[in-house]
Amino acid sequence: MTRQVIIDTDPGLDDAVAILFALSCGAFEVLGLTTVAGNIGLERTTANAGGLLAAAGRSDIPVISGAATAMLRDNIDAIVVHGDDGLRGLKLPTPLVPAKADAVEWLAETLAAAPIGSIEILALGPLTNIARLVIHHPSAAARIGGLIVMGGTIDEPGNAGPASEFNFASDPEAVATVLRADIKTTIVPLDVTRRVRADRDYVEALRKTPTGSIAADLLTAYLQDDKQSRPLHDPCVMLLALAPELFNIEFHRLTVDLAQDADAGTLRKRAAGSPVSVAMGVDVQGALALLASGFA
């Protein structure tokens, strides 16, 4: 049976690979893509989401635009990694269906209409949409079957601050709101995602299918030194959802640093923190093999 999922995303090169995998692997019924400002601004993340669906021949799946700004802070971005368009110049088809508006209302309606626990959310960007769902529609948020989040770091250095990861640093208040909510949440932090990288031979081997060729183009743009990709952060969310046995999951109680400095978004282990499942290890070769199989 396929699992019903909603992908909350800010595409982004690695987001795009993760989305294509979810569409191609046959394990997920993707109900919609909700977009958020993150790697780049909301207008571009929304356009990229629609373009990915058009490229994959899946314009039956709706795109619903969400938060253009963080809850209480100025936006940050990752243009230095993903380029001004989020895809480093890779051209996607024009979206065939206009994006809908108000991701939070759409999430609430979709969750309320489905059996409790039947829909999972795979969150690849800042958690602003999910936090606003928790605040404005707590009964709908309580119906989420599981939330898997790419974000944070436990023992690894940060990529936005000394110990803060980009998604969590983008909206620390949203992270705190979500972690305090009664939602079964699993975090995939930099401790795992930095281990999972693709080399050029791996990338070229994906070119067996049309969708695999798009993924290969995206990963080529994501190569860090023309030999190995940057970390495949967001695909790890899909891989954990599909094969949790590939990951070492630990239980931690965590708080979120809400400082107005470089520590914003840092996760801290505290006895009074929120209970969270955290992926702390990964079978790298197994994860890469599973990712490639989704494009075969």
Protein backbone atom coordinates (compact mmCIF):
# COMPACT_ATOMS: atom_id res chain seq x y z
CA MET A 1 0.00 0.00 0.00
CA THR A 2 1.18 3.51 -0.75
CA ARG A 3 1.38 5.96 2.15
CA GLN A 4 -0.41 9.27 1.97
CA VAL A 5 2.01 12.16 2.44
CA ILE A 6 2.11 15.92 2.13
CA ILE A 7 5.48 17.44 1.29
CA ASP A 8 6.19 20.83 2.87
CA THR A 9 9.08 22.28 0.92
CA ASP A 10 11.24 25.17 -0.32
CA PRO A 11 12.82 23.82 -3.54
CA GLY A 12 15.97 24.04 -3.68
CA LEU A 13 18.15 21.47 -5.47
CA ASP A 14 18.10 18.74 -2.82
CA ASP A 15 14.38 19.39 -2.17
CA ALA A 16 13.79 18.82 -5.87
CA VAL A 17 15.60 15.47 -5.84
CA ALA A 18 13.62 14.43 -2.75
CA ILE A 19 10.32 15.38 -4.39
CA LEU A 20 11.14 13.52 -7.60
CA PHE A 21 12.05 10.44 -5.58
CA ALA A 22 8.76 10.58 -3.71
CA LEU A 23 6.88 10.86 -7.00
CA SER A 24 8.83 8.07 -8.71
CA CYS A 25 9.48 5.38 -6.12
CA GLY A 26 5.90 4.10 -5.96
CA ALA A 27 5.73 4.06 -2.16
CA PHE A 28 3.96 7.37 -1.59
CA GLU A 29 0.68 8.94 -2.60
CA VAL A 30 1.64 12.61 -2.61
CA LEU A 31 -1.49 14.60 -1.77
CA GLY A 32 0.07 18.02 -2.30
CA LEU A 33 3.15 20.19 -2.09
CA THR A 34 2.90 23.07 0.37
CA THR A 35 5.57 25.70 -0.13
CA VAL A 36 7.43 27.99 2.22
CA ALA A 37 10.12 30.64 1.86
CA GLY A 38 13.48 29.19 2.77
CA ASN A 39 16.27 28.42 0.34
CA ILE A 40 14.79 31.27 -1.71
CA GLY A 41 11.66 33.40 -1.60
CA LEU A 42 8.14 32.00 -1.68
CA GLU A 43 7.31 33.01 -5.25
CA ARG A 44 10.26 31.04 -6.59
CA THR A 45 9.85 28.00 -4.31
CA THR A 46 6.23 27.78 -5.41
CA ALA A 47 7.13 28.07 -9.10
CA ASN A 48 9.83 25.43 -8.71
CA ALA A 49 7.39 23.04 -7.03
CA GLY A 50 4.93 23.43 -9.90
CA GLY A 51 7.70 23.02 -12.46
CA LEU A 52 8.86 19.77 -10.86
CA LEU A 53 5.34 18.37 -11.00
CA ALA A 54 5.03 19.38 -14.65
CA ALA A 55 8.40 17.79 -15.47
CA ALA A 56 7.34 14.57 -13.74
CA GLY A 57 3.94 14.53 -15.48
CA ARG A 58 2.14 14.91 -12.16
CA SER A 59 0.24 18.15 -12.49
CA ASP A 60 -2.70 16.35 -10.88
CA ILE A 61 -0.99 17.07 -7.54
CA PRO A 62 -1.75 20.55 -6.18
CA VAL A 63 0.81 23.12 -5.12
CA ILE A 64 -0.34 25.36 -2.29
CA SER A 65 1.74 28.40 -1.35
CA GLY A 66 2.30 29.08 2.31
CA ALA A 67 4.43 31.31 4.51
CA ALA A 68 6.42 34.05 2.79
CA THR A 69 8.07 35.14 6.04
CA ALA A 70 9.20 33.56 9.27
CA MET A 71 6.99 33.95 12.33
CA LEU A 72 8.98 36.68 14.09
CA ARG A 73 12.19 37.20 12.13
CA ASP A 74 13.62 38.49 8.89
CA ASN A 75 14.10 35.82 6.26
CA ILE A 76 17.47 34.29 5.50
CA ASP A 77 18.21 32.35 2.32
CA ALA A 78 20.63 29.86 0.75
CA ILE A 79 21.10 31.51 -2.65
CA VAL A 80 24.85 30.91 -2.39
CA VAL A 81 24.13 27.16 -2.60
CA HIS A 82 21.03 26.98 -4.80
CA GLY A 83 21.38 30.08 -6.99
CA ASP A 84 18.96 32.95 -7.54
CA ASP A 85 16.36 30.60 -9.03
CA GLY A 86 16.86 27.83 -6.49
CA LEU A 87 17.96 25.37 -9.18
CA ARG A 88 21.24 26.89 -10.41
CA GLY A 89 19.83 27.63 -13.83
CA LEU A 90 18.19 24.25 -14.49
CA LYS A 91 15.09 24.98 -16.54
CA LEU A 92 11.83 23.27 -15.64
CA PRO A 93 8.55 23.36 -17.58
CA THR A 94 6.10 26.10 -16.77
CA PRO A 95 3.64 24.83 -14.13
CA LEU A 96 0.51 23.57 -15.87
CA VAL A 97 -1.81 24.39 -12.98
CA PRO A 98 -1.71 27.65 -10.98
CA ALA A 99 -0.73 27.27 -7.35
CA LYS A 100 -3.44 27.55 -4.75
CA ALA A 101 -3.12 29.94 -1.83
CA ASP A 102 -3.10 29.49 1.96
CA ALA A 103 -1.25 26.29 2.75
CA VAL A 104 -2.30 26.34 6.40
CA GLU A 105 -6.01 26.30 5.57
CA TRP A 106 -5.47 23.61 2.94
CA LEU A 107 -3.51 21.49 5.42
CA ALA A 108 -6.26 21.86 8.03
CA GLU A 109 -9.01 20.92 5.59
CA THR A 110 -7.09 17.98 4.16
CA LEU A 111 -6.20 16.56 7.56
CA ALA A 112 -9.74 17.05 8.90
CA ALA A 113 -11.22 15.16 5.93
CA ALA A 114 -8.95 12.12 6.34
CA PRO A 115 -8.91 9.42 9.03
CA ILE A 116 -6.85 10.36 12.06
CA GLY A 117 -3.21 9.40 11.60
CA SER A 118 -3.54 8.49 7.92
CA ILE A 119 -1.50 11.40 6.51
CA GLU A 120 2.18 12.00 7.19
CA ILE A 121 4.00 15.25 6.55
CA LEU A 122 7.51 15.26 5.13
CA ALA A 123 9.01 18.67 5.93
CA LEU A 124 12.01 19.76 3.90
CA GLY A 125 12.20 23.48 4.73
CA PRO A 126 11.56 25.91 7.59
CA LEU A 127 8.66 24.78 9.78
CA THR A 128 6.60 27.97 9.50
CA ASN A 129 3.59 26.38 7.79
CA ILE A 130 3.45 23.52 10.29
CA ALA A 131 3.79 25.86 13.26
CA ARG A 132 0.96 28.05 12.00
CA LEU A 133 -1.16 24.93 11.57
CA VAL A 134 -0.44 24.02 15.21
CA ILE A 135 -1.37 27.51 16.39
CA HIS A 136 -4.48 28.13 14.30
CA HIS A 137 -5.80 24.57 13.81
CA PRO A 138 -4.54 22.45 16.72
CA SER A 139 -7.20 19.76 16.25
CA ALA A 140 -6.14 19.29 12.63
CA ALA A 141 -2.45 19.21 13.56
CA ALA A 142 -3.22 16.50 16.10
CA ARG A 143 -4.44 14.30 13.23
CA ILE A 144 -0.99 14.14 11.59
CA GLY A 145 0.17 10.53 11.48
CA GLY A 146 3.83 11.47 11.68
CA LEU A 147 6.11 14.38 10.91
CA ILE A 148 9.61 13.82 9.55
CA VAL A 149 11.69 16.98 9.47
CA MET A 150 15.03 17.78 7.85
CA GLY A 151 16.59 20.17 10.31
CA GLY A 152 18.84 20.85 13.22
CA THR A 153 22.12 19.39 14.35
CA ILE A 154 23.06 17.59 17.57
CA ASP A 155 26.83 17.01 17.59
CA GLU A 156 27.82 18.33 14.15
CA PRO A 157 28.80 21.98 13.60
CA GLY A 158 26.06 24.13 12.13
CA ASN A 159 25.73 25.48 8.61
CA ALA A 160 23.93 28.71 9.59
CA GLY A 161 25.63 29.43 12.92
CA PRO A 162 28.20 27.69 15.13
CA ALA A 163 25.69 24.97 16.10
CA SER A 164 22.57 25.93 14.14
CA GLU A 165 21.26 24.38 10.92
CA PHE A 166 19.72 26.50 8.14
CA ASN A 167 16.09 25.30 8.27
CA PHE A 168 15.87 25.67 12.04
CA ALA A 169 17.76 28.97 12.07
CA SER A 170 15.32 30.32 9.47
CA ASP A 171 12.42 30.16 11.94
CA PRO A 172 13.41 29.05 15.46
CA GLU A 173 10.02 30.05 16.90
CA ALA A 174 8.31 27.72 14.45
CA VAL A 175 10.59 24.87 15.50
CA ALA A 176 9.82 25.48 19.17
CA THR A 177 6.09 25.55 18.43
CA VAL A 178 6.18 22.28 16.53
CA LEU A 179 8.35 20.43 19.04
CA ARG A 180 6.00 21.42 21.86
CA ALA A 181 2.97 20.14 19.94
CA ASP A 182 1.53 16.67 20.40
CA ILE A 183 2.83 15.39 17.04
CA LYS A 184 4.95 12.29 16.53
CA THR A 185 8.07 14.00 15.19
CA THR A 186 11.35 12.64 13.89
CA ILE A 187 14.23 14.97 13.05
CA VAL A 188 16.88 14.18 10.44
CA PRO A 189 19.78 16.49 11.40
CA LEU A 190 23.12 17.35 9.84
CA ASP A 191 24.62 14.48 11.88
CA VAL A 192 23.05 12.15 9.30
CA THR A 193 22.62 14.22 6.15
CA ARG A 194 26.27 15.22 5.90
CA ARG A 195 27.16 11.54 5.53
CA VAL A 196 25.01 11.00 2.44
CA ARG A 197 26.61 12.35 -0.75
CA ALA A 198 26.61 11.30 -4.38
CA ASP A 199 29.67 11.12 -6.61
CA ARG A 200 29.66 11.77 -10.35
CA ASP A 201 29.46 8.09 -11.32
CA TYR A 202 26.44 7.63 -9.08
CA VAL A 203 24.77 10.68 -10.59
CA GLU A 204 25.33 9.55 -14.18
CA ALA A 205 23.96 6.08 -13.39
CA LEU A 206 20.57 7.64 -12.60
CA ARG A 207 20.00 8.52 -16.27
CA LYS A 208 17.92 5.42 -17.00
CA THR A 209 14.50 7.07 -16.87
CA PRO A 210 13.17 10.55 -17.69
CA THR A 211 12.73 11.38 -14.01
CA GLY A 212 16.14 9.94 -13.20
CA SER A 213 17.67 12.20 -15.84
CA ILE A 214 16.10 15.26 -14.20
CA ALA A 215 17.42 14.10 -10.83
CA ALA A 216 20.86 13.64 -12.37
CA ASP A 217 20.77 17.17 -13.79
CA LEU A 218 19.83 18.52 -10.37
CA LEU A 219 22.60 16.58 -8.64
CA THR A 220 25.13 17.69 -11.26
CA ALA A 221 24.28 21.26 -10.35
CA TYR A 222 24.68 20.25 -6.70
CA LEU A 223 28.21 18.85 -7.12
CA GLN A 224 30.51 20.64 -4.72
CA ASP A 225 33.87 20.04 -6.36
CA ASP A 226 32.86 18.41 -9.66
CA LYS A 227 33.39 15.04 -7.98
CA GLN A 228 31.03 14.78 -5.01
CA SER A 229 27.71 16.40 -4.22
CA ARG A 230 26.91 18.57 -1.28
CA PRO A 231 25.05 16.63 1.43
CA LEU A 232 21.74 15.13 0.27
CA HIS A 233 19.86 16.67 3.17
CA ASP A 234 16.26 16.49 2.01
CA PRO A 235 16.24 13.10 0.27
CA CYS A 236 17.13 11.61 3.68
CA VAL A 237 13.62 12.51 4.87
CA MET A 238 12.03 10.37 2.16
CA LEU A 239 14.50 7.57 2.74
CA LEU A 240 13.80 7.49 6.47
CA ALA A 241 10.05 7.47 5.84
CA LEU A 242 10.45 4.52 3.49
CA ALA A 243 13.18 2.54 5.26
CA PRO A 244 13.68 3.56 8.90
CA GLU A 245 15.82 0.46 9.40
CA LEU A 246 18.60 2.23 7.51
CA PHE A 247 18.84 4.83 10.27
CA ASN A 248 19.88 4.76 13.91
CA ILE A 249 17.09 6.56 15.78
CA GLU A 250 17.69 7.95 19.25
CA PHE A 251 15.29 9.59 21.67
CA HIS A 252 16.24 13.03 23.00
CA ARG A 253 14.59 15.83 24.93
CA LEU A 254 15.34 19.05 23.09
CA THR A 255 14.85 22.77 23.40
CA VAL A 256 15.43 25.40 20.71
CA ASP A 257 17.61 28.47 21.22
CA LEU A 258 15.51 31.56 20.45
CA ALA A 259 18.37 34.04 20.75
CA GLN A 260 18.69 36.98 18.39
CA ASP A 261 22.21 35.99 17.37
CA ALA A 262 24.13 33.25 15.56
CA ASP A 263 22.88 30.63 18.04
CA ALA A 264 19.27 31.04 16.89
CA GLY A 265 17.78 27.66 16.06
CA THR A 266 20.39 25.66 17.95
CA LEU A 267 19.04 22.46 19.51
CA ARG A 268 19.99 21.79 23.11
CA LYS A 269 19.54 18.63 25.15
CA ARG A 270 17.60 19.49 28.29
CA ALA A 271 15.74 17.31 30.78
CA ALA A 272 12.73 19.59 30.45
CA GLY A 273 12.87 19.61 26.65
CA SER A 274 10.36 18.19 24.21
CA PRO A 275 10.60 14.46 23.47
CA VAL A 276 11.82 13.96 19.90
CA SER A 277 13.07 11.02 17.84
CA VAL A 278 16.34 11.96 16.16
CA ALA A 279 18.20 10.11 13.41
CA MET A 280 21.82 9.97 14.53
CA GLY A 281 23.30 7.39 12.18
CA VAL A 282 22.72 6.04 8.69
CA ASP A 283 23.71 3.14 6.48
CA VAL A 284 25.12 5.38 3.76
CA GLN A 285 25.44 2.77 1.03
CA GLY A 286 21.98 1.41 1.78
CA ALA A 287 20.52 4.92 1.64
CA LEU A 288 22.19 5.71 -1.68
CA ALA A 289 21.06 2.38 -3.14
CA LEU A 290 17.47 3.04 -2.08
CA LEU A 291 17.55 6.54 -3.54
CA ALA A 292 18.84 5.24 -6.88
CA SER A 293 16.17 2.51 -6.94
CA GLY A 294 13.47 5.16 -6.88
CA PHE A 295 14.58 6.40 -10.29
CA ALA A 296 15.16 2.98 -11.89
